[in-house]
Protein backbone atom coordinates (compact mmCIF):
# COMPACT_ATOMS: atom_id res chain seq x y z
CA MET A 1 -41.40 7.64 -13.80
CA THR A 2 -41.56 9.62 -10.57
CA ARG A 3 -43.08 6.71 -8.66
CA ALA A 4 -40.58 4.24 -10.11
CA SER A 5 -37.66 6.43 -9.14
CA ARG A 6 -38.69 6.75 -5.50
CA PRO A 7 -37.69 3.21 -4.38
CA MET A 8 -34.29 3.58 -6.07
CA SER A 9 -33.75 6.98 -4.45
CA SER A 10 -34.83 5.62 -1.08
CA GLY A 11 -32.45 2.69 -1.47
CA ARG A 12 -29.52 4.96 -2.25
CA GLU A 13 -30.37 7.19 0.69
CA ALA A 14 -30.58 4.15 2.98
CA VAL A 15 -27.15 2.94 1.83
CA THR A 16 -25.61 6.39 2.22
CA GLY A 17 -27.20 6.84 5.63
CA GLY A 18 -25.95 3.42 6.71
CA LEU A 19 -22.42 4.24 5.58
CA ARG A 20 -22.48 7.49 7.54
CA ALA A 21 -23.73 5.66 10.61
CA ASP A 22 -20.99 3.04 10.28
CA ALA A 23 -18.35 5.77 9.94
CA ARG A 24 -19.65 7.53 13.06
CA SER A 25 -19.66 4.24 14.97
CA LEU A 26 -16.06 3.63 13.91
CA ALA A 27 -15.01 7.05 15.16
CA ARG A 28 -16.77 6.48 18.50
CA HIS A 29 -14.84 3.27 19.11
CA THR A 30 -11.43 4.66 18.14
CA GLY A 31 -11.67 8.32 19.04
CA VAL A 32 -11.35 11.02 16.39
CA GLY A 33 -7.68 11.60 17.24
CA TYR A 34 -6.83 8.10 16.06
CA PHE A 35 -7.23 8.93 12.38
CA PRO A 36 -4.61 11.69 11.92
CA ILE A 37 -2.11 9.65 13.95
CA ALA A 38 -2.75 6.52 11.86
CA PHE A 39 -2.45 8.53 8.63
CA ILE A 40 0.72 10.48 9.41
CA GLY A 41 2.28 7.35 10.90
CA ARG A 42 2.13 5.73 7.43
CA LEU A 43 4.36 8.35 5.83
CA PRO A 44 7.76 6.85 6.78
CA PHE A 45 6.73 3.61 5.08
CA ALA A 46 5.13 5.45 2.12
CA MET A 47 8.31 7.48 1.61
CA MET A 48 10.73 4.59 2.02
CA VAL A 49 11.14 3.09 -1.47
CA VAL A 50 10.82 6.42 -3.29
CA GLY A 51 13.12 8.07 -0.75
CA VAL A 52 15.77 5.38 -1.11
CA LEU A 53 15.52 5.50 -4.91
CA THR A 54 15.74 9.31 -5.03
CA LEU A 55 18.62 9.41 -2.54
CA VAL A 56 20.76 6.99 -4.54
CA VAL A 57 19.87 8.58 -7.91
CA SER A 58 20.71 12.06 -6.58
CA VAL A 59 23.95 11.12 -4.83
CA ARG A 60 25.28 8.39 -7.15
CA GLY A 61 23.66 9.32 -10.46
CA SER A 62 22.59 5.79 -11.47
CA VAL A 63 18.97 4.71 -11.98
CA ALA A 64 20.06 1.05 -12.16
CA GLU A 65 21.95 1.21 -8.82
CA ALA A 66 19.02 3.07 -7.26
CA GLY A 67 16.61 0.36 -8.41
CA LEU A 68 18.87 -2.32 -6.95
CA VAL A 69 19.04 -0.57 -3.58
CA ALA A 70 15.25 -0.01 -3.58
CA ALA A 71 14.79 -3.73 -4.32
CA ALA A 72 16.93 -4.57 -1.28
CA ALA A 73 14.67 -2.40 0.85
CA GLY A 74 11.62 -4.22 -0.51
CA ILE A 75 13.14 -7.63 0.15
CA GLY A 76 13.79 -6.54 3.74
CA THR A 77 10.11 -5.67 4.01
CA ALA A 78 9.10 -9.04 2.56
CA VAL A 79 11.29 -10.96 4.98
CA CYS A 80 10.57 -9.01 8.15
CA GLY A 81 7.06 -7.60 7.58
CA PRO A 82 5.09 -10.86 7.91
CA LEU A 83 7.23 -11.80 10.93
CA ALA A 84 6.30 -8.50 12.57
CA GLY A 85 2.62 -9.18 11.88
CA SER A 86 2.82 -12.68 13.30
CA LEU A 87 4.62 -11.38 16.40
CA ALA A 88 1.92 -8.75 16.83
CA ASP A 89 -0.75 -11.46 16.75
CA ARG A 90 1.16 -13.31 19.48
CA VAL A 91 2.49 -10.60 21.81
CA GLY A 92 0.61 -7.46 20.80
CA GLN A 93 1.10 -4.56 18.43
CA ARG A 94 2.53 -2.11 20.94
CA ALA A 95 5.81 -3.89 21.68
CA VAL A 96 6.40 -4.79 18.04
CA LEU A 97 5.84 -1.23 16.80
CA LEU A 98 8.05 0.36 19.44
CA ALA A 99 10.88 -2.09 18.83
CA SER A 100 10.75 -1.84 15.03
CA GLY A 101 10.53 1.95 15.25
CA ALA A 102 13.72 2.16 17.31
CA LEU A 103 15.56 -0.16 14.92
CA SER A 104 14.34 1.75 11.86
CA VAL A 105 15.78 5.02 13.18
CA VAL A 106 19.20 3.38 13.46
CA ALA A 107 18.91 1.78 10.00
CA ALA A 108 17.84 5.03 8.28
CA ALA A 109 20.73 6.94 9.85
CA GLY A 110 23.07 4.16 8.73
CA LEU A 111 21.79 4.37 5.14
CA LEU A 112 22.52 8.09 4.98
CA ALA A 113 26.04 7.42 6.26
CA VAL A 114 26.89 4.71 3.70
CA VAL A 115 25.34 6.49 0.69
CA TYR A 116 27.21 9.73 1.32
CA GLY A 117 30.35 7.84 2.34
CA GLU A 118 30.82 6.36 -1.17
CA THR A 119 30.50 2.87 0.27
CA PRO A 120 30.33 -0.07 -2.21
CA ILE A 121 26.84 -0.59 -3.59
CA ALA A 122 26.57 -4.06 -2.01
CA VAL A 123 26.94 -2.54 1.45
CA VAL A 124 24.43 0.19 0.61
CA ALA A 125 21.96 -2.50 -0.48
CA LEU A 126 22.52 -4.44 2.76
CA VAL A 127 21.74 -1.37 4.87
CA ALA A 128 18.70 -0.66 2.68
CA PHE A 129 17.53 -4.21 3.44
CA ALA A 130 17.63 -3.27 7.13
CA VAL A 131 15.68 -0.07 6.43
CA GLY A 132 12.95 -2.01 4.63
CA GLY A 133 12.81 -4.68 7.30
CA THR A 134 12.48 -2.31 10.24
CA THR A 135 10.30 0.55 8.97
CA PRO A 136 7.00 0.17 10.91
CA GLN A 137 4.06 -0.87 8.76
CA VAL A 138 1.33 1.23 10.33
CA ALA A 139 -1.22 0.53 7.56
CA PRO A 140 -1.81 -3.23 8.13
CA PHE A 141 -1.71 -2.75 11.89
CA SER A 142 -4.39 -0.07 11.57
CA ARG A 143 -6.44 -2.27 9.24
CA SER A 144 -6.29 -5.07 11.77
CA ARG A 145 -7.48 -2.78 14.56
CA LEU A 146 -10.39 -1.43 12.52
CA VAL A 147 -11.38 -4.87 11.22
CA GLY A 148 -11.75 -5.85 14.88
CA VAL A 149 -13.99 -2.83 15.45
CA SER A 150 -16.14 -3.67 12.41
CA ALA A 151 -16.64 -7.22 13.73
CA ARG A 152 -18.55 -5.80 16.71
CA ALA A 153 -21.56 -4.91 14.53
CA ARG A 154 -24.67 -6.82 15.59
CA THR A 155 -25.89 -8.27 12.28
CA PRO A 156 -24.05 -9.94 9.36
CA GLU A 157 -25.30 -7.21 7.01
CA ARG A 158 -23.92 -4.43 9.21
CA ARG A 159 -20.66 -6.31 9.73
CA SER A 160 -20.22 -6.67 5.97
CA ARG A 161 -21.01 -3.00 5.42
CA ALA A 162 -18.73 -1.92 8.27
CA LEU A 163 -15.88 -4.02 6.84
CA SER A 164 -16.42 -2.38 3.44
CA VAL A 165 -16.24 1.07 5.07
CA VAL A 166 -13.02 0.10 6.87
CA MET A 167 -11.34 -1.22 3.73
CA SER A 168 -12.47 1.73 1.62
CA TYR A 169 -11.21 4.20 4.22
CA GLU A 170 -7.94 2.34 4.76
CA SER A 171 -7.25 2.02 1.05
CA ALA A 172 -8.05 5.70 0.49
CA VAL A 173 -5.70 6.88 3.23
CA ASP A 174 -3.08 4.39 2.05
CA GLU A 175 -3.28 5.90 -1.41
CA ALA A 176 -3.23 9.40 0.07
CA SER A 177 -0.08 8.52 1.97
CA PHE A 178 1.48 7.15 -1.20
CA VAL A 179 0.58 10.42 -2.94
CA LEU A 180 1.98 12.57 -0.16
CA GLY A 181 5.04 10.33 0.34
CA PRO A 182 6.54 10.76 -3.16
CA VAL A 183 5.54 14.45 -3.24
CA LEU A 184 7.30 15.03 0.08
CA VAL A 185 10.37 13.16 -1.18
CA GLY A 186 10.49 15.27 -4.34
CA ALA A 187 9.80 18.58 -2.58
CA LEU A 188 12.27 18.00 0.26
CA THR A 189 14.94 16.87 -2.18
CA VAL A 190 14.49 19.97 -4.32
CA VAL A 191 14.17 22.47 -1.45
CA PHE A 192 16.72 20.99 0.94
CA ALA A 193 18.81 17.96 -0.07
CA PRO A 194 18.47 14.24 -0.89
CA TRP A 195 18.97 13.38 2.81
CA ALA A 196 15.93 15.42 3.93
CA PRO A 197 13.22 12.77 3.25
CA LEU A 198 14.99 10.16 5.41
CA ALA A 199 15.52 12.78 8.12
CA LEU A 200 11.77 13.49 8.13
CA SER A 201 11.03 9.76 8.29
CA ILE A 202 13.24 9.46 11.37
CA ALA A 203 11.45 12.38 13.05
CA LEU A 204 7.98 10.97 12.28
CA THR A 205 8.95 7.51 13.54
CA VAL A 206 10.17 8.91 16.86
CA THR A 207 6.99 10.96 17.37
CA VAL A 208 3.89 9.91 15.42
CA VAL A 209 4.60 6.19 14.98
CA ALA A 210 5.35 5.96 18.71
CA ALA A 211 2.01 7.67 19.42
CA PHE A 212 0.24 5.14 17.19
CA ALA A 213 1.99 2.30 19.03
CA VAL A 214 0.74 3.41 22.45
CA HIS A 215 -2.78 4.43 21.33
CA ARG A 216 -5.53 2.71 23.29
CA THR A 217 -6.74 0.80 20.21
CA ALA A 218 -3.47 -1.17 20.25
CA GLY A 219 -4.39 -2.79 23.55
CA ALA A 220 -7.80 -3.96 22.35
CA ALA A 221 -6.44 -5.35 19.08
CA SER A 222 -3.63 -7.15 20.85
CA ALA A 223 -5.89 -8.69 23.47
CA ALA A 224 -8.27 -10.04 20.82
CA ALA A 225 -5.50 -11.54 18.70
CA VAL A 226 -3.61 -13.10 21.60
CA ALA A 227 -6.83 -14.58 22.99
CA ALA A 228 -7.60 -16.15 19.62
CA THR A 229 -4.16 -17.69 19.08
CA PRO A 230 -2.33 -17.95 22.41
CA ARG A 231 -0.08 -20.86 21.39
CA ALA A 232 0.02 -20.43 17.63
CA PRO A 233 3.42 -20.85 15.97
CA LEU A 234 5.08 -17.92 14.22
CA ARG A 235 4.92 -19.80 10.92
CA VAL A 236 1.48 -19.68 9.33
CA VAL A 237 0.13 -21.92 6.56
CA PHE A 238 -2.13 -19.66 4.54
CA PRO A 239 -5.31 -20.89 2.81
CA ALA A 240 -5.14 -21.24 -0.96
CA GLU A 241 -6.98 -18.00 -1.70
CA VAL A 242 -4.69 -16.01 0.60
CA ARG A 243 -1.71 -17.38 -1.34
CA LEU A 244 -3.32 -16.25 -4.60
CA LEU A 245 -4.00 -12.81 -3.08
CA ILE A 246 -0.34 -12.58 -2.06
CA GLY A 247 0.63 -13.23 -5.69
CA ALA A 248 -1.80 -10.56 -6.87
CA MET A 249 -0.37 -8.08 -4.36
CA LEU A 250 3.14 -8.81 -5.64
CA LEU A 251 1.97 -7.90 -9.14
CA VAL A 252 0.16 -4.76 -7.96
CA GLY A 253 3.37 -3.74 -6.23
CA GLY A 254 5.13 -4.50 -9.50
CA ILE A 255 2.87 -1.96 -11.21
CA PHE A 256 3.91 0.69 -8.70
CA GLY A 257 7.61 -0.20 -8.86
CA SER A 258 7.94 -0.43 -12.63
CA MET A 259 5.84 2.71 -12.98
CA LEU A 260 8.14 4.54 -10.56
CA THR A 261 11.31 3.69 -12.48
CA ALA A 262 9.65 4.37 -15.86
CA VAL A 263 8.41 7.77 -14.64
CA THR A 264 11.88 8.49 -13.20
CA ALA A 265 13.51 7.63 -16.54
CA PHE A 266 10.83 9.68 -18.35
CA MET A 267 11.68 12.77 -16.28
CA VAL A 268 15.45 12.15 -16.43
CA GLU A 269 15.15 12.12 -20.24
CA ARG A 270 13.69 15.62 -19.93
CA GLY A 271 16.30 16.85 -17.46
CA GLN A 272 13.86 16.92 -14.53
CA GLY A 273 14.71 13.73 -12.65
CA GLU A 274 14.35 15.32 -9.22
CA GLN A 275 10.64 15.93 -9.94
CA ALA A 276 9.85 12.29 -10.73
CA GLY A 277 8.27 11.72 -7.32
CA ILE A 278 5.84 14.58 -7.86
CA LEU A 279 4.70 13.25 -11.26
CA TYR A 280 4.49 9.71 -9.85
CA GLY A 281 2.13 10.98 -7.16
CA ALA A 282 -0.46 11.68 -9.89
CA MET A 283 -1.07 7.93 -10.13
CA SER A 284 -2.67 7.88 -6.72
CA LEU A 285 -5.01 10.85 -7.20
CA GLY A 286 -7.63 8.79 -9.00
CA ALA A 287 -7.03 5.90 -6.61
CA ILE A 288 -7.97 8.02 -3.59
CA VAL A 289 -11.31 9.02 -5.08
CA VAL A 290 -12.25 5.54 -6.24
CA ALA A 291 -11.17 3.96 -2.94
CA LEU A 292 -13.50 6.28 -1.05
CA LEU A 293 -16.36 5.53 -3.44
CA THR A 294 -16.07 1.74 -3.38
CA ALA A 295 -17.97 1.52 -0.08
CA ALA A 296 -21.00 2.99 -1.87
CA LEU A 297 -20.91 0.51 -4.76
CA PRO A 298 -23.96 -1.79 -4.84
CA PRO A 299 -23.48 -5.14 -3.02
CA ARG A 300 -24.43 -7.05 -6.18
CA PHE A 301 -21.22 -5.71 -7.74
CA GLY A 302 -19.11 -8.04 -5.63
CA LEU A 303 -15.43 -8.01 -4.78
CA ARG A 304 -14.35 -10.50 -7.44
CA PRO A 305 -16.17 -8.82 -10.36
CA ARG A 306 -14.72 -5.48 -9.19
CA TRP A 307 -11.24 -6.97 -9.29
CA ILE A 308 -11.68 -8.01 -12.92
CA VAL A 309 -13.34 -4.78 -14.09
CA PHE A 310 -10.95 -2.37 -12.41
CA ALA A 311 -7.85 -4.44 -13.20
CA ALA A 312 -8.87 -4.29 -16.86
CA LEU A 313 -9.17 -0.50 -16.61
CA GLY A 314 -5.75 -0.26 -14.98
CA ALA A 315 -4.13 -2.46 -17.65
CA ALA A 316 -5.62 -0.37 -20.46
CA ALA A 317 -4.38 2.87 -18.87
CA CYS A 318 -0.88 1.45 -18.35
CA ALA A 319 -0.76 0.43 -22.01
CA LEU A 320 -1.57 4.03 -23.02
CA LEU A 321 1.57 5.26 -21.25
CA VAL A 322 3.71 3.48 -23.83
CA VAL A 323 2.56 5.92 -26.53
CA VAL A 324 1.85 9.12 -24.52
CA ASP A 325 4.76 11.57 -24.54
CA ALA A 326 3.73 14.97 -23.08
CA VAL A 327 4.14 15.42 -19.32
CA PRO A 328 0.55 16.71 -18.71
CA LEU A 329 -0.91 13.76 -20.64
CA VAL A 330 1.29 11.31 -18.74
CA ALA A 331 0.02 12.80 -15.46
CA LEU A 332 -3.59 12.39 -16.66
CA VAL A 333 -3.10 8.77 -17.72
CA LEU A 334 -1.27 8.03 -14.45
CA ALA A 335 -4.33 9.26 -12.56
CA LEU A 336 -6.56 7.05 -14.72
CA SER A 337 -4.38 4.02 -14.05
CA GLY A 338 -4.64 4.85 -10.35
CA VAL A 339 -8.42 4.48 -10.56
CA GLY A 340 -8.03 0.88 -11.68
CA VAL A 341 -5.22 0.01 -9.28
CA GLY A 342 -6.87 1.74 -6.29
CA ALA A 343 -10.16 -0.13 -6.62
CA THR A 344 -8.28 -3.40 -7.11
CA LEU A 345 -6.32 -2.81 -3.89
CA VAL A 346 -9.53 -2.23 -1.91
CA GLY A 347 -10.87 -5.55 -3.15
CA LEU A 348 -7.67 -7.48 -2.44
CA PHE A 349 -7.43 -6.25 1.14
CA ASN A 350 -11.14 -6.94 1.63
CA LEU A 351 -10.77 -10.50 0.36
CA GLY A 352 -7.68 -10.96 2.52
CA ALA A 353 -9.54 -9.91 5.67
CA LEU A 354 -12.38 -12.31 4.84
CA ALA A 355 -10.02 -15.22 4.07
CA ALA A 356 -7.72 -14.72 7.09
CA PRO A 357 -7.67 -17.60 9.62
CA ALA A 358 -9.07 -16.78 13.07
CA GLY A 359 -6.74 -14.56 15.07
CA ARG A 360 -4.42 -14.03 12.10
CA SER A 361 -5.81 -10.80 10.69
CA THR A 362 -2.64 -8.79 11.37
CA THR A 363 -0.45 -11.55 9.93
CA VAL A 364 -2.43 -11.78 6.68
CA LEU A 365 -2.82 -8.03 6.21
CA THR A 366 0.85 -7.39 6.97
CA THR A 367 1.85 -10.12 4.52
CA LEU A 368 -0.34 -8.56 1.83
CA GLN A 369 1.17 -5.12 2.53
CA SER A 370 4.68 -6.60 2.48
CA SER A 371 3.95 -8.37 -0.80
CA LEU A 372 2.86 -5.05 -2.26
CA VAL A 373 6.15 -3.44 -1.27
CA VAL A 374 8.42 -6.31 -2.33
CA GLY A 375 6.68 -6.38 -5.71
CA GLN A 376 7.29 -2.66 -5.96
CA ALA A 377 10.95 -3.03 -5.07
CA LEU A 378 11.69 -6.02 -7.34
CA ALA A 379 10.02 -4.28 -10.26
CA SER A 380 12.00 -1.13 -9.42
CA ALA A 381 15.23 -3.10 -9.83
CA SER A 382 14.33 -4.82 -13.09
CA GLY A 383 12.39 -1.84 -14.42
CA GLY A 384 15.28 0.48 -13.59
CA ALA A 385 17.69 -1.61 -15.64
CA ILE A 386 15.24 -1.86 -18.56
CA ALA A 387 14.37 1.84 -18.50
CA GLN A 388 18.03 2.86 -18.34
CA ALA A 389 18.96 0.53 -21.23
CA ALA A 390 15.94 1.00 -23.51
CA GLY A 391 14.21 4.18 -22.35
CA SER A 392 11.03 5.06 -20.48
CA GLY A 393 8.76 3.59 -23.18
CA ALA A 394 10.15 0.11 -22.49
CA GLY A 395 9.65 0.70 -18.77
CA PHE A 396 5.98 1.57 -19.31
CA ALA A 397 5.59 -1.56 -21.45
CA VAL A 398 6.78 -3.64 -18.48
CA THR A 399 4.15 -1.93 -16.32
CA ALA A 400 1.40 -2.76 -18.82
CA ALA A 401 2.45 -6.43 -18.90
CA ILE A 402 2.36 -6.66 -15.10
CA ALA A 403 -1.07 -5.01 -15.03
CA CYS A 404 -2.33 -7.68 -17.42
CA GLY A 405 -1.04 -10.27 -14.94
CA VAL A 406 -3.21 -8.75 -12.20
CA LEU A 407 -6.22 -9.10 -14.50
CA VAL A 408 -5.39 -12.75 -15.23
CA LEU A 409 -5.16 -13.56 -11.51
CA GLY A 410 -8.52 -11.87 -10.98
CA VAL A 411 -10.08 -14.23 -13.51
CA VAL A 412 -8.35 -17.21 -11.88
CA ASP A 413 -9.65 -16.17 -8.45
CA ARG A 414 -13.17 -15.81 -9.79
CA LEU A 415 -13.07 -19.27 -11.37
CA ALA A 416 -11.44 -21.00 -8.38
CA PHE A 417 -13.19 -19.25 -5.47
CA GLY A 418 -16.27 -17.66 -7.01
CA ARG A 419 -18.49 -20.12 -5.18
CA VAL A 420 -17.23 -18.76 -1.87
CA SER A 421 -19.20 -15.78 -0.62
CA ALA A 422 -17.29 -12.52 -0.93
CA PRO A 423 -19.65 -9.65 -0.06
CA ALA A 424 -18.86 -6.10 -1.07
């Protein structure tokens, strides 16, 4: 038994040692200071939908109106996000990030003015559209930069492993930002006022997002993308699998959005609506852990099987929320659902990076990120109306149905593209 266990132990040690070496190599290429900037720079985007929803609920007192305004913000992201990614592939990340950051500051200030000014809800939604369209999407821009770094590895095996490290890290910090974002929104709303989260977003955009835009990694990423597609049109025709991944991301975003409104209704029913963001953050706790661990999963457990397995886990956990009633149990099941959703996200972004046309990494990854947010916003609108009319249990039922859709698309992807290599 001792002899038989040695090769397995040596194999695990080799994998772990390789992952550590890849992480150190990544840090050497970017500089250690890159990582806190790239993480904090995500917070304005991570706070956006929850912040808009909480602001409108707190000031106007309507979950349905708040869901509608949040949906407008998500649609703005869907319309403008892929365009920003395509522009970055053509002219460079730096100019796009600085311009969108300046516009987002104006849009966020405008949203505060119209919400507190008792402006008609249609105007509020229009301004929210501008907020969603201009908030800088640091996450896909960072993914694109680090994917470029991982491509420098000398062998296919090391490139595959380095890409897995990048996607695991990026998904983990994404989830961490989406934990911290709702918690910050809830805490700032309770301690200060509903305007405080947007005020913080403005401050972070002016400082940290600007620092991310001018970081030296932006120049290298921009040069590589522009060299690959110097005359490419803004409009991109995506391969079939990328289109399927976009659909899956819409549904994953739908899980987040419908979950948000269901959790909000759940807490409003208990007279604690201002703490909904804090409870919602529990969903991402399990996702952070599993996202970090996916890089250590064995290569034979490929991306497509992971999608199916973890999507099934997420769907089962979402279904449990329909019958769970106590707040601590809801928090526990939310964390369990986050395990399934977090691992699925890692796989989707990984598959997207592998399926992206040459020189279009930022475009594809930004489109996937935008699809995630628009799915979240659209489900917030419909889920908000359902939860307000029929209660939080109906809202959780919507979430479970959407999670089943993610599982179905995973099976479709496996059947349609399983012959195409998709390493872990």
